[in-house]
Amino acid sequence: VSEANIDNGYAGVSFAALMAVGQMRDTAALEQARLRSEDSDPNVRIAALFALHRLGDQRRTTELSQYLLSHKDARVRANAAVAIGRMEEPKSIKLLRTALRREKKDAVTMQILEALAMLGDSHGVERLKMYGFSAVPDQSALALMCLANAKNSEADELFRFRLSVADHPEIKLQAARGLGRLGYPDG
């Protein structure tokens, strides 16, 4: 991950770069992650805290739960859910379930369910599968995307069904993506 991407003036690019640093456990970017954990944008701080956690510095990891449970901006709560799910720690399931009970925004709910599915929580998987059958195209496509991101093998039948039975191309695309992420050539 390039230093320029981490220090990019656009928060979305910095967020993505710092998430990649954490996913790859790129220790060369440790100091930059520490610096960005003080960024003025809470989304960049979330990604930096995630990167720090994955690089072994877990002193500030609990701040992620504060963003998830109490930040006024739904996008910040959703990004906190993404980071918590990608930490790959099943002990986070309780926190995510608490957030799920409190959450009122659909997009944040979907991100929390994705995080739960990534951690192997059957309730999160089942709710996403239910949303995947939704007649509301945006809701169905988002649920399929979340299941694909979680690489949940329990969703392969849903992906196949939605690939063959869907009126909207975005649903078919997400179903195909899900099959592809699971390693099926028909995806």
Protein backbone atom coordinates (compact mmCIF):
# COMPACT_ATOMS: atom_id res chain seq x y z
CA VAL A 1 0.00 0.00 0.00
CA SER A 2 1.53 3.28 -1.02
CA GLU A 3 2.26 6.02 1.50
CA ALA A 4 0.53 8.49 -0.82
CA ASN A 5 -2.74 6.55 -0.57
CA ILE A 6 -2.66 6.53 3.23
CA ASP A 7 -2.01 10.26 3.31
CA ASN A 8 -4.43 11.05 0.47
CA GLY A 9 -6.51 14.18 0.98
CA TYR A 10 -9.69 12.24 0.22
CA ALA A 11 -10.90 10.35 3.29
CA GLY A 12 -12.30 7.45 1.25
CA VAL A 13 -8.90 6.68 -0.26
CA SER A 14 -7.16 6.93 3.12
CA PHE A 15 -9.82 4.69 4.67
CA ALA A 16 -9.36 2.02 1.98
CA ALA A 17 -5.56 2.19 2.18
CA LEU A 18 -5.52 1.85 5.96
CA MET A 19 -7.99 -1.04 5.84
CA ALA A 20 -5.65 -2.72 3.33
CA VAL A 21 -2.68 -2.09 5.65
CA GLY A 22 -4.57 -3.90 8.40
CA GLN A 23 -5.71 -6.75 6.17
CA MET A 24 -2.18 -7.31 4.87
CA ARG A 25 -0.58 -6.60 8.26
CA ASP A 26 1.85 -4.24 6.53
CA THR A 27 4.19 -3.31 9.39
CA ALA A 28 5.98 -0.76 7.19
CA ALA A 29 2.92 1.48 7.59
CA LEU A 30 2.68 1.26 11.39
CA GLU A 31 3.81 4.82 12.05
CA GLN A 32 1.49 6.24 9.41
CA ALA A 33 -1.41 4.32 10.98
CA ARG A 34 -0.54 5.84 14.36
CA LEU A 35 -0.52 9.32 12.85
CA ARG A 36 -3.82 8.78 11.02
CA SER A 37 -5.48 7.48 14.19
CA GLU A 38 -5.62 11.19 15.14
CA ASP A 39 -7.12 12.28 11.78
CA SER A 40 -9.95 14.80 11.81
CA ASP A 41 -12.18 12.41 9.83
CA PRO A 42 -13.67 9.68 12.07
CA ASN A 43 -13.77 7.21 9.17
CA VAL A 44 -10.01 7.53 8.66
CA ARG A 45 -9.51 7.13 12.43
CA ILE A 46 -11.57 3.91 12.33
CA ALA A 47 -9.43 2.44 9.55
CA ALA A 48 -6.24 3.51 11.34
CA LEU A 49 -7.42 1.89 14.59
CA PHE A 50 -8.22 -1.28 12.65
CA ALA A 51 -4.74 -1.26 11.08
CA LEU A 52 -3.11 -0.67 14.47
CA HIS A 53 -5.07 -3.54 15.99
CA ARG A 54 -4.04 -5.94 13.21
CA LEU A 55 -0.42 -4.77 13.54
CA GLY A 56 -0.42 -5.66 17.24
CA ASP A 57 -1.12 -2.28 18.85
CA GLN A 58 -4.47 -2.89 20.54
CA ARG A 59 -4.38 -0.08 23.09
CA ARG A 60 -7.13 1.89 21.33
CA THR A 61 -9.22 -0.91 19.81
CA THR A 62 -12.13 -0.24 22.19
CA GLU A 63 -12.65 3.12 20.47
CA LEU A 64 -14.15 1.17 17.57
CA SER A 65 -17.02 0.04 19.78
CA GLN A 66 -17.71 3.66 20.74
CA TYR A 67 -17.96 4.63 17.07
CA LEU A 68 -20.28 1.69 16.40
CA LEU A 69 -22.59 2.22 19.35
CA SER A 70 -22.80 5.97 19.71
CA HIS A 71 -21.62 8.01 16.72
CA LYS A 72 -24.35 10.22 15.22
CA ASP A 73 -23.23 9.65 11.60
CA ALA A 74 -24.60 6.39 10.14
CA ARG A 75 -21.65 6.07 7.73
CA VAL A 76 -19.24 6.16 10.67
CA ARG A 77 -21.23 3.46 12.48
CA ALA A 78 -21.25 1.33 9.31
CA ASN A 79 -17.49 1.70 8.85
CA ALA A 80 -16.92 0.77 12.48
CA ALA A 81 -18.96 -2.40 11.91
CA VAL A 82 -16.85 -3.22 8.84
CA ALA A 83 -13.62 -2.77 10.80
CA ILE A 84 -14.85 -4.84 13.74
CA GLY A 85 -15.93 -7.68 11.45
CA ARG A 86 -12.59 -7.70 9.66
CA MET A 87 -10.69 -7.98 12.93
CA GLU A 88 -11.71 -11.66 12.79
CA GLU A 89 -12.33 -11.94 16.51
CA PRO A 90 -15.44 -13.95 17.48
CA LYS A 91 -15.52 -12.20 20.86
CA SER A 92 -16.84 -9.16 18.94
CA ILE A 93 -20.14 -10.95 18.21
CA LYS A 94 -21.70 -9.77 21.48
CA LEU A 95 -20.84 -6.13 20.71
CA LEU A 96 -22.20 -6.43 17.17
CA ARG A 97 -25.43 -8.00 18.40
CA THR A 98 -25.87 -5.13 20.86
CA ALA A 99 -25.35 -2.63 18.05
CA LEU A 100 -27.80 -4.54 15.84
CA ARG A 101 -30.56 -4.27 18.44
CA ARG A 102 -30.03 -0.48 18.70
CA GLU A 103 -29.54 0.37 15.03
CA LYS A 104 -32.30 2.12 13.08
CA LYS A 105 -30.58 2.70 9.70
CA ASP A 106 -30.82 -0.08 7.10
CA ALA A 107 -27.36 0.42 5.61
CA VAL A 108 -25.72 0.22 9.04
CA THR A 109 -27.80 -2.83 9.91
CA MET A 110 -26.53 -4.55 6.77
CA GLN A 111 -22.91 -3.76 7.65
CA ILE A 112 -23.41 -5.14 11.16
CA LEU A 113 -24.98 -8.29 9.70
CA GLU A 114 -22.03 -8.62 7.31
CA ALA A 115 -19.61 -8.33 10.21
CA LEU A 116 -21.56 -10.98 12.12
CA ALA A 117 -21.54 -13.26 9.06
CA MET A 118 -17.77 -12.77 8.69
CA LEU A 119 -17.39 -13.95 12.26
CA GLY A 120 -19.52 -17.04 11.58
CA ASP A 121 -22.61 -15.88 13.47
CA SER A 122 -25.56 -17.92 12.14
CA HIS A 123 -28.10 -15.23 13.05
CA GLY A 124 -26.27 -12.67 10.91
CA VAL A 125 -26.07 -15.11 8.00
CA GLU A 126 -29.76 -16.02 8.22
CA ARG A 127 -30.90 -12.39 8.33
CA LEU A 128 -28.75 -11.51 5.33
CA LYS A 129 -30.17 -14.50 3.45
CA MET A 130 -33.68 -13.30 4.28
CA TYR A 131 -32.84 -9.83 2.93
CA GLY A 132 -31.31 -11.50 -0.13
CA PHE A 133 -34.80 -12.73 -1.06
CA SER A 134 -36.26 -9.23 -0.68
CA ALA A 135 -38.47 -7.82 -3.43
CA VAL A 136 -36.77 -4.45 -2.85
CA PRO A 137 -33.89 -4.50 -5.38
CA ASP A 138 -31.47 -2.29 -3.40
CA GLN A 139 -32.02 -4.29 -0.23
CA SER A 140 -31.56 -7.63 -1.97
CA ALA A 141 -28.43 -6.50 -3.84
CA LEU A 142 -26.87 -5.10 -0.65
CA ALA A 143 -27.59 -8.30 1.28
CA LEU A 144 -26.05 -10.40 -1.50
CA MET A 145 -22.99 -8.13 -1.53
CA CYS A 146 -22.61 -8.53 2.25
CA LEU A 147 -22.91 -12.33 2.01
CA ALA A 148 -20.33 -12.34 -0.79
CA ASN A 149 -17.96 -10.21 1.29
CA ALA A 150 -18.38 -12.67 4.16
CA LYS A 151 -17.62 -15.54 1.74
CA ASN A 152 -20.34 -17.55 3.42
CA SER A 153 -20.77 -20.95 1.81
CA GLU A 154 -24.29 -21.27 3.27
CA ALA A 155 -25.40 -18.64 0.74
CA ASP A 156 -24.49 -20.57 -2.42
CA GLU A 157 -28.09 -21.73 -3.03
CA LEU A 158 -29.36 -18.17 -2.57
CA PHE A 159 -26.72 -16.87 -4.99
CA ARG A 160 -27.73 -19.47 -7.59
CA PHE A 161 -31.43 -18.71 -7.13
CA ARG A 162 -30.97 -14.93 -7.42
CA LEU A 163 -28.69 -15.38 -10.44
CA SER A 164 -31.47 -17.24 -12.24
CA VAL A 165 -34.50 -15.42 -10.77
CA ALA A 166 -34.04 -11.67 -10.56
CA ASP A 167 -35.61 -8.79 -12.43
CA HIS A 168 -32.77 -6.37 -11.76
CA PRO A 169 -29.23 -6.70 -13.14
CA GLU A 170 -27.61 -5.47 -9.91
CA ILE A 171 -29.10 -8.46 -8.08
CA LYS A 172 -27.78 -10.87 -10.71
CA LEU A 173 -24.36 -9.22 -10.60
CA GLN A 174 -24.12 -9.53 -6.81
CA ALA A 175 -25.28 -13.16 -7.00
CA ALA A 176 -22.63 -13.93 -9.63
CA ARG A 177 -20.02 -12.13 -7.51
CA GLY A 178 -21.02 -14.21 -4.49
CA LEU A 179 -20.60 -17.46 -6.41
CA GLY A 180 -17.26 -16.25 -7.75
CA ARG A 181 -16.04 -15.34 -4.25
CA LEU A 182 -16.95 -18.86 -3.15
CA GLY A 183 -14.85 -20.26 -6.00
CA TYR A 184 -17.65 -21.48 -8.25
CA PRO A 185 -16.91 -21.03 -11.96
CA ASP A 186 -20.55 -20.24 -12.79
CA GLY A 187 -20.10 -17.03 -10.80
